[in-house]
């Protein structure tokens, strides 16, 4: 293992300190689960100060990016239909795939 110089170690500590004091690095205030449940059940807006919505995830709904090549004519038809129903191209493709897969079960 290569030994770091004192200045290298200081630089690493300095970066870590900056990161931990930044706004996004600060933790939300912790409360007991029972208190959290009470706030949630009451519909209180106070719950927001205990949550980091930027890191919120829906279990079982993780996203994986894929690339798909479409013939130009098909892409034009997708775009027309997406505009007609008022959604984005990506939303339209997801909707049609979900409908098709749901109908096949």
N, C-alpha and C. Protein backbone atom coordinates (compact mmCIF):
# COMPACT_ATOMS: atom_id res chain seq x y z
N UNK A 1 0.85 -1.17 0.00
CA UNK A 1 0.00 0.00 0.00
C UNK A 1 0.89 1.23 0.00
N UNK A 2 0.61 2.17 -0.87
CA UNK A 2 1.41 3.38 -1.00
C UNK A 2 1.06 4.35 0.12
N UNK A 3 2.06 4.89 0.75
CA UNK A 3 1.86 5.81 1.86
C UNK A 3 1.58 7.20 1.30
N UNK A 4 0.53 7.86 1.85
CA UNK A 4 0.20 9.21 1.42
C UNK A 4 1.04 10.21 2.19
N UNK A 5 1.38 11.30 1.53
CA UNK A 5 2.08 12.37 2.22
C UNK A 5 1.10 13.10 3.13
N UNK A 6 1.62 13.85 4.08
CA UNK A 6 0.76 14.60 5.00
C UNK A 6 -0.14 15.56 4.24
N UNK A 7 0.39 16.21 3.19
CA UNK A 7 -0.43 17.16 2.43
C UNK A 7 -1.56 16.46 1.68
N UNK A 8 -1.30 15.24 1.20
CA UNK A 8 -2.36 14.48 0.52
C UNK A 8 -3.46 14.10 1.49
N UNK A 9 -3.07 13.67 2.69
CA UNK A 9 -4.06 13.30 3.69
C UNK A 9 -4.89 14.52 4.09
N UNK A 10 -4.25 15.67 4.22
CA UNK A 10 -4.97 16.89 4.58
C UNK A 10 -5.96 17.28 3.49
N UNK A 11 -5.56 17.14 2.25
CA UNK A 11 -6.44 17.48 1.13
C UNK A 11 -7.67 16.58 1.14
N UNK A 12 -7.48 15.30 1.41
CA UNK A 12 -8.61 14.37 1.45
C UNK A 12 -9.55 14.74 2.58
N UNK A 13 -9.00 15.04 3.77
CA UNK A 13 -9.84 15.44 4.90
C UNK A 13 -10.57 16.73 4.58
N UNK A 14 -9.92 17.66 3.94
CA UNK A 14 -10.54 18.93 3.58
C UNK A 14 -11.72 18.75 2.64
N UNK A 15 -11.55 17.88 1.64
CA UNK A 15 -12.66 17.61 0.71
C UNK A 15 -13.81 16.94 1.43
N UNK A 16 -13.52 16.01 2.31
CA UNK A 16 -14.57 15.32 3.05
C UNK A 16 -15.33 16.31 3.92
N UNK A 17 -14.62 17.24 4.53
CA UNK A 17 -15.26 18.21 5.38
C UNK A 17 -16.19 19.12 4.57
N UNK A 18 -15.73 19.57 3.42
CA UNK A 18 -16.57 20.42 2.58
C UNK A 18 -17.83 19.68 2.18
N UNK A 19 -17.68 18.42 1.80
CA UNK A 19 -18.83 17.62 1.39
C UNK A 19 -19.84 17.47 2.52
N UNK A 20 -19.36 17.20 3.73
CA UNK A 20 -20.27 16.93 4.83
C UNK A 20 -20.97 18.18 5.33
N UNK A 21 -20.43 19.36 5.05
CA UNK A 21 -21.07 20.59 5.51
C UNK A 21 -21.95 21.21 4.43
N UNK A 22 -21.95 20.65 3.23
CA UNK A 22 -22.79 21.20 2.17
C UNK A 22 -24.25 20.90 2.46
N UNK A 23 -25.14 21.65 1.84
CA UNK A 23 -26.57 21.49 2.10
C UNK A 23 -27.05 20.09 1.78
N UNK A 24 -26.59 19.52 0.65
CA UNK A 24 -27.06 18.19 0.29
C UNK A 24 -26.44 17.10 1.16
N UNK A 25 -25.35 17.41 1.85
CA UNK A 25 -24.69 16.42 2.69
C UNK A 25 -25.29 16.33 4.08
N UNK A 26 -26.07 17.35 4.47
CA UNK A 26 -26.68 17.34 5.81
C UNK A 26 -27.80 16.33 5.89
N UNK A 27 -27.89 15.65 7.02
CA UNK A 27 -28.95 14.67 7.22
C UNK A 27 -30.22 15.36 7.69
N UNK A 28 -31.34 14.77 7.36
CA UNK A 28 -32.61 15.26 7.86
C UNK A 28 -32.69 14.90 9.33
N UNK A 29 -33.52 15.64 10.07
CA UNK A 29 -33.62 15.38 11.50
C UNK A 29 -34.26 14.02 11.74
N UNK A 30 -33.67 13.26 12.63
CA UNK A 30 -34.15 11.91 12.94
C UNK A 30 -35.22 11.98 14.03
N UNK A 31 -36.25 11.16 13.87
CA UNK A 31 -37.30 11.06 14.89
C UNK A 31 -37.62 9.58 15.06
N UNK A 32 -38.21 9.21 16.19
CA UNK A 32 -38.60 7.81 16.39
C UNK A 32 -39.66 7.38 15.38
N UNK A 33 -39.69 6.12 15.06
CA UNK A 33 -40.63 5.58 14.07
C UNK A 33 -42.08 5.87 14.45
N UNK A 34 -42.39 5.79 15.74
CA UNK A 34 -43.77 6.03 16.18
C UNK A 34 -44.20 7.47 15.87
N UNK A 35 -43.30 8.43 16.11
CA UNK A 35 -43.59 9.83 15.83
C UNK A 35 -43.75 10.04 14.32
N UNK A 36 -42.88 9.42 13.52
CA UNK A 36 -42.97 9.50 12.07
C UNK A 36 -44.32 8.96 11.60
N UNK A 37 -44.73 7.81 12.14
CA UNK A 37 -46.03 7.22 11.77
C UNK A 37 -47.18 8.15 12.11
N UNK A 38 -47.10 8.80 13.28
CA UNK A 38 -48.16 9.74 13.68
C UNK A 38 -48.24 10.91 12.70
N UNK A 39 -47.07 11.47 12.34
CA UNK A 39 -47.06 12.57 11.38
C UNK A 39 -47.62 12.14 10.04
N UNK A 40 -47.23 10.96 9.59
CA UNK A 40 -47.72 10.44 8.30
C UNK A 40 -49.23 10.25 8.35
N UNK A 41 -49.71 9.57 9.40
CA UNK A 41 -51.14 9.27 9.51
C UNK A 41 -51.99 10.53 9.61
N UNK A 42 -51.44 11.59 10.22
CA UNK A 42 -52.20 12.84 10.37
C UNK A 42 -52.19 13.69 9.10
N UNK A 43 -51.32 13.33 8.14
CA UNK A 43 -51.23 14.10 6.90
C UNK A 43 -50.47 15.41 7.08
N UNK A 44 -49.74 15.51 8.16
CA UNK A 44 -49.01 16.73 8.49
C UNK A 44 -47.89 17.03 7.49
N UNK A 45 -47.73 18.32 7.17
CA UNK A 45 -46.62 18.74 6.32
C UNK A 45 -45.29 18.68 7.07
N UNK A 46 -45.33 18.52 8.38
CA UNK A 46 -44.12 18.44 9.20
C UNK A 46 -43.25 17.24 8.79
N UNK A 47 -43.86 16.25 8.16
CA UNK A 47 -43.12 15.05 7.77
C UNK A 47 -42.03 15.38 6.75
N UNK A 48 -42.24 16.42 5.94
CA UNK A 48 -41.28 16.77 4.89
C UNK A 48 -39.89 17.09 5.44
N UNK A 49 -39.82 17.68 6.61
CA UNK A 49 -38.50 18.03 7.13
C UNK A 49 -37.71 16.81 7.59
N UNK A 50 -38.35 15.65 7.60
CA UNK A 50 -37.68 14.41 8.00
C UNK A 50 -37.38 13.50 6.80
N UNK A 51 -37.72 13.96 5.60
CA UNK A 51 -37.53 13.14 4.40
C UNK A 51 -36.63 13.83 3.39
N UNK A 52 -35.87 13.06 2.66
CA UNK A 52 -35.06 13.58 1.56
C UNK A 52 -35.68 13.06 0.27
N UNK A 53 -36.57 13.87 -0.30
CA UNK A 53 -37.32 13.44 -1.47
C UNK A 53 -36.44 13.19 -2.68
N UNK A 54 -35.26 13.81 -2.74
CA UNK A 54 -34.34 13.59 -3.86
C UNK A 54 -33.81 12.17 -3.89
N UNK A 55 -33.81 11.50 -2.76
CA UNK A 55 -33.30 10.13 -2.69
C UNK A 55 -34.42 9.10 -2.59
N UNK A 56 -35.66 9.55 -2.69
CA UNK A 56 -36.80 8.64 -2.56
C UNK A 56 -36.86 7.69 -3.76
N UNK A 57 -37.17 6.45 -3.51
CA UNK A 57 -37.29 5.43 -4.55
C UNK A 57 -38.54 4.61 -4.30
N UNK A 58 -39.15 4.13 -5.37
CA UNK A 58 -40.30 3.24 -5.26
C UNK A 58 -39.79 1.81 -5.32
N UNK A 59 -39.95 1.06 -4.24
CA UNK A 59 -39.46 -0.33 -4.23
C UNK A 59 -40.05 -1.13 -5.40
N UNK A 60 -39.20 -1.89 -6.03
CA UNK A 60 -39.64 -2.71 -7.16
C UNK A 60 -39.79 -1.92 -8.45
N UNK A 61 -39.47 -0.63 -8.44
CA UNK A 61 -39.63 0.19 -9.63
C UNK A 61 -38.31 0.84 -10.05
N UNK A 62 -37.21 0.15 -9.80
CA UNK A 62 -35.91 0.68 -10.19
C UNK A 62 -35.88 0.83 -11.71
N UNK A 63 -35.12 1.79 -12.17
CA UNK A 63 -35.09 2.10 -13.60
C UNK A 63 -33.76 1.64 -14.18
N UNK A 64 -33.82 1.08 -15.37
CA UNK A 64 -32.62 0.73 -16.11
C UNK A 64 -32.76 1.33 -17.51
N UNK A 65 -31.80 2.12 -17.89
CA UNK A 65 -31.84 2.77 -19.20
C UNK A 65 -31.51 1.76 -20.30
N UNK A 66 -32.27 1.84 -21.39
CA UNK A 66 -32.02 0.99 -22.56
C UNK A 66 -32.04 1.86 -23.81
N UNK A 67 -31.34 1.44 -24.82
CA UNK A 67 -31.35 2.12 -26.11
C UNK A 67 -32.05 1.22 -27.11
N UNK A 68 -32.97 1.81 -27.87
CA UNK A 68 -33.72 1.05 -28.86
C UNK A 68 -33.67 1.82 -30.18
N UNK A 69 -33.38 1.13 -31.25
CA UNK A 69 -33.39 1.75 -32.58
C UNK A 69 -34.74 1.49 -33.23
N UNK A 70 -35.37 2.56 -33.75
CA UNK A 70 -36.66 2.45 -34.43
C UNK A 70 -36.50 2.89 -35.87
N UNK A 71 -37.23 2.25 -36.79
CA UNK A 71 -37.27 2.77 -38.15
C UNK A 71 -37.89 4.18 -38.12
N UNK A 72 -37.44 5.06 -38.99
CA UNK A 72 -37.89 6.45 -38.98
C UNK A 72 -39.41 6.54 -39.13
N UNK A 73 -39.99 5.74 -40.01
CA UNK A 73 -41.45 5.79 -40.21
C UNK A 73 -42.20 5.42 -38.92
N UNK A 74 -41.72 4.42 -38.21
CA UNK A 74 -42.35 4.02 -36.95
C UNK A 74 -42.21 5.14 -35.92
N UNK A 75 -41.05 5.75 -35.86
CA UNK A 75 -40.82 6.83 -34.91
C UNK A 75 -41.75 8.02 -35.19
N UNK A 76 -41.97 8.32 -36.47
CA UNK A 76 -42.90 9.40 -36.82
C UNK A 76 -44.32 9.06 -36.37
N UNK A 77 -44.71 7.82 -36.56
CA UNK A 77 -46.05 7.39 -36.14
C UNK A 77 -46.18 7.46 -34.61
N UNK A 78 -45.13 7.05 -33.91
CA UNK A 78 -45.13 7.13 -32.43
C UNK A 78 -45.28 8.59 -32.01
N UNK A 79 -44.51 9.48 -32.62
CA UNK A 79 -44.57 10.90 -32.27
C UNK A 79 -45.96 11.48 -32.54
N UNK A 80 -46.58 11.12 -33.67
CA UNK A 80 -47.93 11.61 -33.99
C UNK A 80 -48.92 11.17 -32.92
N UNK A 81 -48.88 9.89 -32.59
CA UNK A 81 -49.82 9.35 -31.60
C UNK A 81 -49.56 9.94 -30.22
N UNK A 82 -48.30 10.12 -29.87
CA UNK A 82 -47.96 10.71 -28.57
C UNK A 82 -48.51 12.14 -28.49
N UNK A 83 -48.34 12.92 -29.57
CA UNK A 83 -48.89 14.28 -29.59
C UNK A 83 -50.40 14.26 -29.48
N UNK A 84 -51.03 13.32 -30.19
CA UNK A 84 -52.49 13.24 -30.19
C UNK A 84 -53.04 13.02 -28.79
N UNK A 85 -52.38 12.15 -28.01
CA UNK A 85 -52.90 11.88 -26.67
C UNK A 85 -52.24 12.77 -25.60
N UNK A 86 -51.30 13.62 -26.03
CA UNK A 86 -50.73 14.60 -25.12
C UNK A 86 -49.69 14.08 -24.16
N UNK A 87 -48.85 13.17 -24.62
CA UNK A 87 -47.77 12.65 -23.77
C UNK A 87 -46.45 12.73 -24.54
N UNK A 88 -45.36 12.52 -23.83
CA UNK A 88 -44.06 12.50 -24.49
C UNK A 88 -43.88 11.19 -25.24
N UNK A 89 -42.90 11.18 -26.12
CA UNK A 89 -42.56 9.96 -26.86
C UNK A 89 -42.25 8.82 -25.89
N UNK A 90 -41.42 9.11 -24.89
CA UNK A 90 -41.03 8.08 -23.93
C UNK A 90 -42.25 7.55 -23.17
N UNK A 91 -43.12 8.46 -22.73
CA UNK A 91 -44.31 8.04 -22.00
C UNK A 91 -45.20 7.17 -22.88
N UNK A 92 -45.36 7.55 -24.14
CA UNK A 92 -46.18 6.77 -25.05
C UNK A 92 -45.64 5.35 -25.21
N UNK A 93 -44.34 5.25 -25.42
CA UNK A 93 -43.73 3.92 -25.60
C UNK A 93 -43.94 3.07 -24.35
N UNK A 94 -43.73 3.67 -23.18
CA UNK A 94 -43.93 2.92 -21.93
C UNK A 94 -45.39 2.49 -21.78
N UNK A 95 -46.32 3.41 -22.09
CA UNK A 95 -47.74 3.07 -21.97
C UNK A 95 -48.12 1.90 -22.87
N UNK A 96 -47.70 1.97 -24.14
CA UNK A 96 -48.06 0.91 -25.08
C UNK A 96 -47.44 -0.42 -24.71
N UNK A 97 -46.19 -0.40 -24.27
CA UNK A 97 -45.56 -1.64 -23.83
C UNK A 97 -46.26 -2.22 -22.62
N UNK A 98 -46.57 -1.37 -21.65
CA UNK A 98 -47.25 -1.84 -20.44
C UNK A 98 -48.63 -2.42 -20.79
N UNK A 99 -49.37 -1.72 -21.67
CA UNK A 99 -50.70 -2.22 -22.09
C UNK A 99 -50.58 -3.56 -22.79
N UNK A 100 -49.61 -3.68 -23.67
CA UNK A 100 -49.42 -4.91 -24.42
C UNK A 100 -49.05 -6.07 -23.50
N UNK A 101 -48.12 -5.81 -22.58
CA UNK A 101 -47.70 -6.87 -21.66
C UNK A 101 -48.81 -7.26 -20.69
N UNK A 102 -49.59 -6.29 -20.24
CA UNK A 102 -50.70 -6.58 -19.31
C UNK A 102 -51.77 -7.41 -20.02
N UNK A 103 -51.97 -7.16 -21.30
CA UNK A 103 -52.97 -7.91 -22.06
C UNK A 103 -52.53 -9.32 -22.41
N UNK A 104 -51.25 -9.60 -22.29
CA UNK A 104 -50.76 -10.94 -22.66
C UNK A 104 -50.80 -11.93 -21.51
N UNK A 105 -51.24 -11.49 -20.34
CA UNK A 105 -51.30 -12.41 -19.18
C UNK A 105 -52.66 -12.98 -18.98
